[in-house]
PDB file of N, CA and C in Angstrom:
ATOM      1  N   MET A   1      69.464 112.559  94.490  1.00  0.00           N
ATOM      2  CA  MET A   1      69.814 113.949  94.341  1.00  0.00           C
ATOM      3  C   MET A   1      71.326 114.071  94.115  1.00  0.00           C
ATOM      4  N   VAL A   2      71.712 114.855  93.151  1.00  0.00           N
ATOM      5  CA  VAL A   2      73.120 115.051  92.813  1.00  0.00           C
ATOM      6  C   VAL A   2      73.703 116.131  93.725  1.00  0.00           C
ATOM      7  N   PRO A   3      74.831 115.847  94.381  1.00  0.00           N
ATOM      8  CA  PRO A   3      75.429 116.857  95.258  1.00  0.00           C
ATOM      9  C   PRO A   3      75.944 118.051  94.451  1.00  0.00           C
ATOM     10  N   ARG A   4      75.880 119.225  95.060  1.00  0.00           N
ATOM     11  CA  ARG A   4      76.378 120.435  94.402  1.00  0.00           C
ATOM     12  C   ARG A   4      77.899 120.383  94.298  1.00  0.00           C
ATOM     13  N   ARG A   5      78.400 120.961  93.244  1.00  0.00           N
ATOM     14  CA  ARG A   5      79.855 121.038  93.086  1.00  0.00           C
ATOM     15  C   ARG A   5      80.400 122.160  93.959  1.00  0.00           C
ATOM     16  N   SER A   6      81.584 121.960  94.452  1.00  0.00           N
ATOM     17  CA  SER A   6      82.231 123.018  95.231  1.00  0.00           C
ATOM     18  C   SER A   6      82.797 124.058  94.265  1.00  0.00           C
ATOM     19  N   LYS A   7      83.065 125.229  94.809  1.00  0.00           N
ATOM     20  CA  LYS A   7      83.688 126.280  94.010  1.00  0.00           C
ATOM     21  C   LYS A   7      85.042 125.810  93.482  1.00  0.00           C
ATOM     22  N   TYR A   8      85.760 125.034  94.299  1.00  0.00           N
ATOM     23  CA  TYR A   8      87.077 124.537  93.901  1.00  0.00           C
ATOM     24  C   TYR A   8      86.969 123.600  92.699  1.00  0.00           C
ATOM     25  N   GLU A   9      85.931 122.781  92.690  1.00  0.00           N
ATOM     26  CA  GLU A   9      85.719 121.862  91.568  1.00  0.00           C
ATOM     27  C   GLU A   9      85.387 122.634  90.294  1.00  0.00           C
ATOM     28  N   ILE A  10      84.544 123.649  90.406  1.00  0.00           N
ATOM     29  CA  ILE A  10      84.179 124.472  89.249  1.00  0.00           C
ATOM     30  C   ILE A  10      85.413 125.174  88.699  1.00  0.00           C
ATOM     31  N   VAL A  11      86.218 125.748  89.586  1.00  0.00           N
ATOM     32  CA  VAL A  11      87.451 126.426  89.165  1.00  0.00           C
ATOM     33  C   VAL A  11      88.367 125.449  88.444  1.00  0.00           C
ATOM     34  N   SER A  12      88.536 124.269  88.989  1.00  0.00           N
ATOM     35  CA  SER A  12      89.387 123.259  88.361  1.00  0.00           C
ATOM     36  C   SER A  12      88.878 122.897  86.964  1.00  0.00           C
ATOM     37  N   GLU A  13      87.574 122.743  86.816  1.00  0.00           N
ATOM     38  CA  GLU A  13      86.993 122.418  85.507  1.00  0.00           C
ATOM     39  C   GLU A  13      87.263 123.526  84.495  1.00  0.00           C
ATOM     40  N   ILE A  14      87.088 124.778  84.907  1.00  0.00           N
ATOM     41  CA  ILE A  14      87.344 125.908  83.999  1.00  0.00           C
ATOM     42  C   ILE A  14      88.813 125.926  83.589  1.00  0.00           C
ATOM     43  N   LEU A  15      89.704 125.775  84.553  1.00  0.00           N
ATOM     44  CA  LEU A  15      91.137 125.830  84.253  1.00  0.00           C
ATOM     45  C   LEU A  15      91.570 124.689  83.338  1.00  0.00           C
ATOM     46  N   LYS A  16      91.009 123.512  83.530  1.00  0.00           N
ATOM     47  CA  LYS A  16      91.338 122.386  82.640  1.00  0.00           C
ATOM     48  C   LYS A  16      90.858 122.675  81.223  1.00  0.00           C
ATOM     49  N   MET A  17      89.671 123.229  81.089  1.00  0.00           N
ATOM     50  CA  MET A  17      89.124 123.530  79.759  1.00  0.00           C
ATOM     51  C   MET A  17      89.940 124.602  79.041  1.00  0.00           C
ATOM     52  N   ALA A  18      90.406 125.584  79.796  1.00  0.00           N
ATOM     53  CA  ALA A  18      91.115 126.716  79.193  1.00  0.00           C
ATOM     54  C   ALA A  18      92.595 126.436  78.971  1.00  0.00           C
ATOM     55  N   ASN A  19      93.024 125.228  79.239  1.00  0.00           N
ATOM     56  CA  ASN A  19      94.434 124.870  79.085  1.00  0.00           C
ATOM     57  C   ASN A  19      94.738 124.511  77.629  1.00  0.00           C
ATOM     58  N   THR A  20      94.591 125.493  76.759  1.00  0.00           N
ATOM     59  CA  THR A  20      94.915 125.340  75.343  1.00  0.00           C
ATOM     60  C   THR A  20      95.734 126.547  74.908  1.00  0.00           C
ATOM     61  N   ARG A  21      96.464 126.401  73.831  1.00  0.00           N
ATOM     62  CA  ARG A  21      97.292 127.507  73.355  1.00  0.00           C
ATOM     63  C   ARG A  21      96.444 128.718  72.971  1.00  0.00           C
ATOM     64  N   GLU A  22      95.299 128.468  72.330  1.00  0.00           N
ATOM     65  CA  GLU A  22      94.454 129.570  71.868  1.00  0.00           C
ATOM     66  C   GLU A  22      93.418 130.013  72.893  1.00  0.00           C
ATOM     67  N   GLY A  23      93.257 129.262  73.997  1.00  0.00           N
ATOM     68  CA  GLY A  23      92.273 129.617  75.014  1.00  0.00           C
ATOM     69  C   GLY A  23      90.855 129.284  74.569  1.00  0.00           C
ATOM     70  N   ILE A  24      89.877 129.622  75.405  1.00  0.00           N
ATOM     71  CA  ILE A  24      88.469 129.358  75.089  1.00  0.00           C
ATOM     72  C   ILE A  24      87.649 130.607  75.371  1.00  0.00           C
ATOM     73  N   ASN A  25      86.476 130.681  74.751  1.00  0.00           N
ATOM     74  CA  ASN A  25      85.620 131.842  74.978  1.00  0.00           C
ATOM     75  C   ASN A  25      84.649 131.577  76.126  1.00  0.00           C
ATOM     76  N   VAL A  26      84.006 132.627  76.594  1.00  0.00           N
ATOM     77  CA  VAL A  26      83.119 132.515  77.751  1.00  0.00           C
ATOM     78  C   VAL A  26      81.914 131.621  77.453  1.00  0.00           C
ATOM     79  N   THR A  27      81.429 131.621  76.224  1.00  0.00           N
ATOM     80  CA  THR A  27      80.283 130.774  75.877  1.00  0.00           C
ATOM     81  C   THR A  27      80.623 129.304  76.061  1.00  0.00           C
ATOM     82  N   ARG A  28      81.801 128.917  75.653  1.00  0.00           N
ATOM     83  CA  ARG A  28      82.213 127.519  75.820  1.00  0.00           C
ATOM     84  C   ARG A  28      82.329 127.155  77.299  1.00  0.00           C
ATOM     85  N   ILE A  29      82.817 128.083  78.093  1.00  0.00           N
ATOM     86  CA  ILE A  29      82.896 127.850  79.538  1.00  0.00           C
ATOM     87  C   ILE A  29      81.498 127.655  80.113  1.00  0.00           C
ATOM     88  N   VAL A  30      80.580 128.539  79.746  1.00  0.00           N
ATOM     89  CA  VAL A  30      79.200 128.470  80.252  1.00  0.00           C
ATOM     90  C   VAL A  30      78.589 127.111  79.968  1.00  0.00           C
ATOM     91  N   TYR A  31      78.685 126.653  78.733  1.00  0.00           N
ATOM     92  CA  TYR A  31      78.052 125.388  78.358  1.00  0.00           C
ATOM     93  C   TYR A  31      78.795 124.165  78.893  1.00  0.00           C
ATOM     94  N   SER A  32      80.103 124.192  78.850  1.00  0.00           N
ATOM     95  CA  SER A  32      80.879 123.022  79.258  1.00  0.00           C
ATOM     96  C   SER A  32      80.899 122.807  80.765  1.00  0.00           C
ATOM     97  N   VAL A  33      80.933 123.886  81.510  1.00  0.00           N
ATOM     98  CA  VAL A  33      81.017 123.788  82.961  1.00  0.00           C
ATOM     99  C   VAL A  33      79.627 123.904  83.595  1.00  0.00           C
ATOM    100  N   ASN A  34      78.640 124.198  82.773  1.00  0.00           N
ATOM    101  CA  ASN A  34      77.245 124.275  83.209  1.00  0.00           C
ATOM    102  C   ASN A  34      77.028 125.367  84.259  1.00  0.00           C
ATOM    103  N   LEU A  35      77.432 126.587  83.899  1.00  0.00           N
ATOM    104  CA  LEU A  35      77.202 127.761  84.733  1.00  0.00           C
ATOM    105  C   LEU A  35      76.353 128.744  83.952  1.00  0.00           C
ATOM    106  N   ASN A  36      75.660 129.629  84.651  1.00  0.00           N
ATOM    107  CA  ASN A  36      74.995 130.695  83.914  1.00  0.00           C
ATOM    108  C   ASN A  36      76.039 131.763  83.581  1.00  0.00           C
ATOM    109  N   PHE A  37      75.687 132.644  82.666  1.00  0.00           N
ATOM    110  CA  PHE A  37      76.648 133.620  82.157  1.00  0.00           C
ATOM    111  C   PHE A  37      77.183 134.519  83.272  1.00  0.00           C
ATOM    112  N   LYS A  38      76.310 134.981  84.147  1.00  0.00           N
ATOM    113  CA  LYS A  38      76.726 135.884  85.229  1.00  0.00           C
ATOM    114  C   LYS A  38      77.735 135.200  86.152  1.00  0.00           C
ATOM    115  N   ASN A  39      77.441 133.981  86.581  1.00  0.00           N
ATOM    116  CA  ASN A  39      78.367 133.252  87.460  1.00  0.00           C
ATOM    117  C   ASN A  39      79.688 132.958  86.759  1.00  0.00           C
ATOM    118  N   ALA A  40      79.617 132.632  85.477  1.00  0.00           N
ATOM    119  CA  ALA A  40      80.838 132.367  84.714  1.00  0.00           C
ATOM    120  C   ALA A  40      81.702 133.624  84.647  1.00  0.00           C
ATOM    121  N   GLN A  41      81.085 134.766  84.351  1.00  0.00           N
ATOM    122  CA  GLN A  41      81.835 136.028  84.258  1.00  0.00           C
ATOM    123  C   GLN A  41      82.480 136.379  85.600  1.00  0.00           C
ATOM    124  N   GLU A  42      81.734 136.206  86.693  1.00  0.00           N
ATOM    125  CA  GLU A  42      82.282 136.512  88.021  1.00  0.00           C
ATOM    126  C   GLU A  42      83.460 135.598  88.353  1.00  0.00           C
ATOM    127  N   THR A  43      83.315 134.321  88.047  1.00  0.00           N
ATOM    128  CA  THR A  43      84.384 133.363  88.338  1.00  0.00           C
ATOM    129  C   THR A  43      85.609 133.648  87.477  1.00  0.00           C
ATOM    130  N   ILE A  44      85.402 133.928  86.201  1.00  0.00           N
ATOM    131  CA  ILE A  44      86.509 134.263  85.297  1.00  0.00           C
ATOM    132  C   ILE A  44      87.255 135.493  85.808  1.00  0.00           C
ATOM    133  N   SER A  45      86.528 136.529  86.199  1.00  0.00           N
ATOM    134  CA  SER A  45      87.167 137.748  86.716  1.00  0.00           C
ATOM    135  C   SER A  45      88.006 137.450  87.952  1.00  0.00           C
ATOM    136  N   GLU A  46      87.478 136.622  88.838  1.00  0.00           N
ATOM    137  CA  GLU A  46      88.213 136.247  90.048  1.00  0.00           C
ATOM    138  C   GLU A  46      89.476 135.453  89.700  1.00  0.00           C
ATOM    139  N   LEU A  47      89.367 134.545  88.731  1.00  0.00           N
ATOM    140  CA  LEU A  47      90.528 133.743  88.323  1.00  0.00           C
ATOM    141  C   LEU A  47      91.606 134.614  87.689  1.00  0.00           C
ATOM    142  N   ILE A  48      91.200 135.623  86.944  1.00  0.00           N
ATOM    143  CA  ILE A  48      92.163 136.553  86.349  1.00  0.00           C
ATOM    144  C   ILE A  48      92.857 137.356  87.451  1.00  0.00           C
ATOM    145  N   ARG A  49      92.077 137.857  88.416  1.00  0.00           N
ATOM    146  CA  ARG A  49      92.660 138.623  89.534  1.00  0.00           C
ATOM    147  C   ARG A  49      93.679 137.793  90.318  1.00  0.00           C
ATOM    148  N   CYS A  50      93.417 136.500  90.435  1.00  0.00           N
ATOM    149  CA  CYS A  50      94.314 135.604  91.188  1.00  0.00           C
ATOM    150  C   CYS A  50      95.493 135.113  90.351  1.00  0.00           C
ATOM    151  N   GLY A  51      95.506 135.436  89.065  1.00  0.00           N
ATOM    152  CA  GLY A  51      96.604 135.009  88.203  1.00  0.00           C
ATOM    153  C   GLY A  51      96.500 133.573  87.719  1.00  0.00           C
ATOM    154  N   LEU A  52      95.312 132.971  87.819  1.00  0.00           N
ATOM    155  CA  LEU A  52      95.123 131.590  87.380  1.00  0.00           C
ATOM    156  C   LEU A  52      94.682 131.498  85.924  1.00  0.00           C
ATOM    157  N   LEU A  53      94.126 132.584  85.413  1.00  0.00           N
ATOM    158  CA  LEU A  53      93.612 132.645  84.046  1.00  0.00           C
ATOM    159  C   LEU A  53      94.073 133.962  83.447  1.00  0.00           C
ATOM    160  N   GLU A  54      94.289 133.993  82.129  1.00  0.00           N
ATOM    161  CA  GLU A  54      94.670 135.237  81.464  1.00  0.00           C
ATOM    162  C   GLU A  54      93.793 135.460  80.248  1.00  0.00           C
ATOM    163  N   ARG A  55      93.608 136.736  79.911  1.00  0.00           N
ATOM    164  CA  ARG A  55      92.867 137.098  78.702  1.00  0.00           C
ATOM    165  C   ARG A  55      93.827 137.045  77.523  1.00  0.00           C
ATOM    166  N   VAL A  56      93.351 136.494  76.409  1.00  0.00           N
ATOM    167  CA  VAL A  56      94.134 136.494  75.175  1.00  0.00           C
ATOM    168  C   VAL A  56      93.215 136.898  74.036  1.00  0.00           C
ATOM    169  N   GLU A  57      93.815 137.476  73.010  1.00  0.00           N
ATOM    170  CA  GLU A  57      93.033 137.873  71.847  1.00  0.00           C
ATOM    171  C   GLU A  57      93.028 136.731  70.850  1.00  0.00           C
ATOM    172  N   GLY A  58      91.831 136.283  70.491  1.00  0.00           N
ATOM    173  CA  GLY A  58      91.688 135.195  69.539  1.00  0.00           C
ATOM    174  C   GLY A  58      91.518 135.715  68.124  1.00  0.00           C
ATOM    175  N   GLU A  59      91.097 134.826  67.230  1.00  0.00           N
ATOM    176  CA  GLU A  59      90.850 135.196  65.836  1.00  0.00           C
ATOM    177  C   GLU A  59      89.860 136.343  65.759  1.00  0.00           C
ATOM    178  N   GLY A  60      90.140 137.285  64.890  1.00  0.00           N
ATOM    179  CA  GLY A  60      89.241 138.414  64.699  1.00  0.00           C
ATOM    180  C   GLY A  60      89.143 139.322  65.905  1.00  0.00           C
ATOM    181  N   GLY A  61      90.123 139.253  66.800  1.00  0.00           N
ATOM    182  CA  GLY A  61      90.130 140.116  67.967  1.00  0.00           C
ATOM    183  C   GLY A  61      89.174 139.688  69.069  1.00  0.00           C
ATOM    184  N   LYS A  62      88.633 138.472  68.968  1.00  0.00           N
ATOM    185  CA  LYS A  62      87.683 137.999  69.985  1.00  0.00           C
ATOM    186  C   LYS A  62      88.411 137.644  71.279  1.00  0.00           C
ATOM    187  N   LEU A  63      87.762 137.947  72.392  1.00  0.00           N
ATOM    188  CA  LEU A  63      88.334 137.713  73.711  1.00  0.00           C
ATOM    189  C   LEU A  63      88.239 136.244  74.093  1.00  0.00           C
ATOM    190  N   ARG A  64      89.361 135.698  74.531  1.00  0.00           N
ATOM    191  CA  ARG A  64      89.421 134.299  74.967  1.00  0.00           C
ATOM    192  C   ARG A  64      90.191 134.244  76.279  1.00  0.00           C
ATOM    193  N   TYR A  65      90.123 133.105  76.940  1.00  0.00           N
ATOM    194  CA  TYR A  65      90.774 132.929  78.235  1.00  0.00           C
ATOM    195  C   TYR A  65      91.647 131.687  78.205  1.00  0.00           C
ATOM    196  N   ARG A  66      92.826 131.803  78.831  1.00  0.00           N
ATOM    197  CA  ARG A  66      93.785 130.700  78.821  1.00  0.00           C
ATOM    198  C   ARG A  66      94.351 130.513  80.238  1.00  0.00           C
ATOM    199  N   THR A  67      94.585 129.274  80.595  1.00  0.00           N
ATOM    200  CA  THR A  67      95.136 128.933  81.906  1.00  0.00           C
ATOM    201  C   THR A  67      96.612 129.319  81.975  1.00  0.00           C
ATOM    202  N   THR A  68      97.009 129.904  83.090  1.00  0.00           N
ATOM    203  CA  THR A  68      98.409 130.273  83.316  1.00  0.00           C
ATOM    204  C   THR A  68      99.144 129.110  83.989  1.00  0.00           C
ATOM    205  N   ARG A  69     100.447 129.256  84.146  1.00  0.00           N
ATOM    206  CA  ARG A  69     101.226 128.233  84.869  1.00  0.00           C
ATOM    207  C   ARG A  69     100.712 128.081  86.305  1.00  0.00           C
ATOM    208  N   LYS A  70     100.394 129.203  86.911  1.00  0.00           N
ATOM    209  CA  LYS A  70      99.850 129.170  88.272  1.00  0.00           C
ATOM    210  C   LYS A  70      98.513 128.415  88.291  1.00  0.00           C
ATOM    211  N   GLY A  71      97.708 128.594  87.247  1.00  0.00           N
ATOM    212  CA  GLY A  71      96.446 127.871  87.136  1.00  0.00           C
ATOM    213  C   GLY A  71      96.657 126.376  86.993  1.00  0.00           C
ATOM    214  N   LEU A  72      97.659 125.985  86.220  1.00  0.00           N
ATOM    215  CA  LEU A  72      97.973 124.562  86.062  1.00  0.00           C
ATOM    216  C   LEU A  72      98.433 123.952  87.383  1.00  0.00           C
ATOM    217  N   GLU A  73      99.163 124.730  88.162  1.00  0.00           N
ATOM    218  CA  GLU A  73      99.598 124.267  89.484  1.00  0.00           C
ATOM    219  C   GLU A  73      98.383 124.072  90.395  1.00  0.00           C
ATOM    220  N   TYR A  74      97.412 124.972  90.303  1.00  0.00           N
ATOM    221  CA  TYR A  74      96.169 124.829  91.074  1.00  0.00           C
ATOM    222  C   TYR A  74      95.482 123.510  90.725  1.00  0.00           C
ATOM    223  N   VAL A  75      95.357 123.226  89.426  1.00  0.00           N
ATOM    224  CA  VAL A  75      94.694 121.992  88.979  1.00  0.00           C
ATOM    225  C   VAL A  75      95.438 120.773  89.513  1.00  0.00           C
ATOM    226  N   ARG A  76      96.759 120.792  89.425  1.00  0.00           N
ATOM    227  CA  ARG A  76      97.555 119.660  89.903  1.00  0.00           C
ATOM    228  C   ARG A  76      97.324 119.425  91.399  1.00  0.00           C
ATOM    229  N   LYS A  77      97.364 120.491  92.171  1.00  0.00           N
ATOM    230  CA  LYS A  77      97.173 120.356  93.620  1.00  0.00           C
ATOM    231  C   LYS A  77      95.740 119.948  93.956  1.00  0.00           C
ATOM    232  N   TYR A  78      94.777 120.494  93.230  1.00  0.00           N
ATOM    233  CA  TYR A  78      93.375 120.123  93.467  1.00  0.00           C
ATOM    234  C   TYR A  78      93.178 118.628  93.217  1.00  0.00           C
ATOM    235  N   GLU A  79      93.704 118.125  92.108  1.00  0.00           N
ATOM    236  CA  GLU A  79      93.557 116.706  91.785  1.00  0.00           C
ATOM    237  C   GLU A  79      94.272 115.828  92.809  1.00  0.00           C
ATOM    238  N   GLU A  80      95.403 116.304  93.310  1.00  0.00           N
ATOM    239  CA  GLU A  80      96.124 115.563  94.339  1.00  0.00           C
ATOM    240  C   GLU A  80      95.277 115.465  95.615  1.00  0.00           C
ATOM    241  N   LEU A  81      94.677 116.564  96.022  1.00  0.00           N
ATOM    242  CA  LEU A  81      93.810 116.550  97.206  1.00  0.00           C
ATOM    243  C   LEU A  81      92.570 115.685  96.985  1.00  0.00           C
ATOM    244  N   GLU A  82      92.004 115.744  95.791  1.00  0.00           N
ATOM    245  CA  GLU A  82      90.825 114.934  95.465  1.00  0.00           C
ATOM    246  C   GLU A  82      91.126 113.448  95.602  1.00  0.00           C
ATOM    247  N   SER A  83      92.338 113.049  95.282  1.00  0.00           N
ATOM    248  CA  SER A  83      92.688 111.629  95.348  1.00  0.00           C
ATOM    249  C   SER A  83      92.644 111.104  96.786  1.00  0.00           C
ATOM    250  N   PHE A  84      92.821 111.971  97.768  1.00  0.00           N
ATOM    251  CA  PHE A  84      92.766 111.553  99.169  1.00  0.00           C
ATOM    252  C   PHE A  84      91.342 111.317  99.656  1.00  0.00           C
ATOM    253  N   GLN A  85      90.360 111.855  98.967  1.00  0.00           N
ATOM    254  CA  GLN A  85      88.967 111.678  99.386  1.00  0.00           C
ATOM    255  C   GLN A  85      88.458 110.279  99.087  1.00  0.00           C
ATOM    256  N   HIS A  86      89.186 109.513  98.308  1.00  0.00           N
ATOM    257  CA  HIS A  86      88.706 108.210  97.864  1.00  0.00           C
ATOM    258  C   HIS A  86      89.436 107.041  98.524  1.00  0.00           C
ATOM    259  N   PHE A  87      90.049 107.263  99.669  1.00  0.00           N
ATOM    260  CA  PHE A  87      90.758 106.157 100.319  1.00  0.00           C
ATOM    261  C   PHE A  87      89.878 105.434 101.310  1.00  0.00           C
TER     262      PHE A  87
END
């Protein structure tokens, strides 16, 4: 049986994926992070409220999401903590 991912792990995965200049759309998040649409939308909204993710306008005015500096700091600290679990 595969252990469930923690919320922190899911957040880290989303922030790593969205760390591009143009950002990513919600569909890509859903498929890449393996969440359903409702959970992805709720998590994205929470990340925006916390300042870890920002909305950006993509080609043709489409909504995309991009990781902020604060989000990158979260990923760095999360990975640092993860490294201690393997000693």
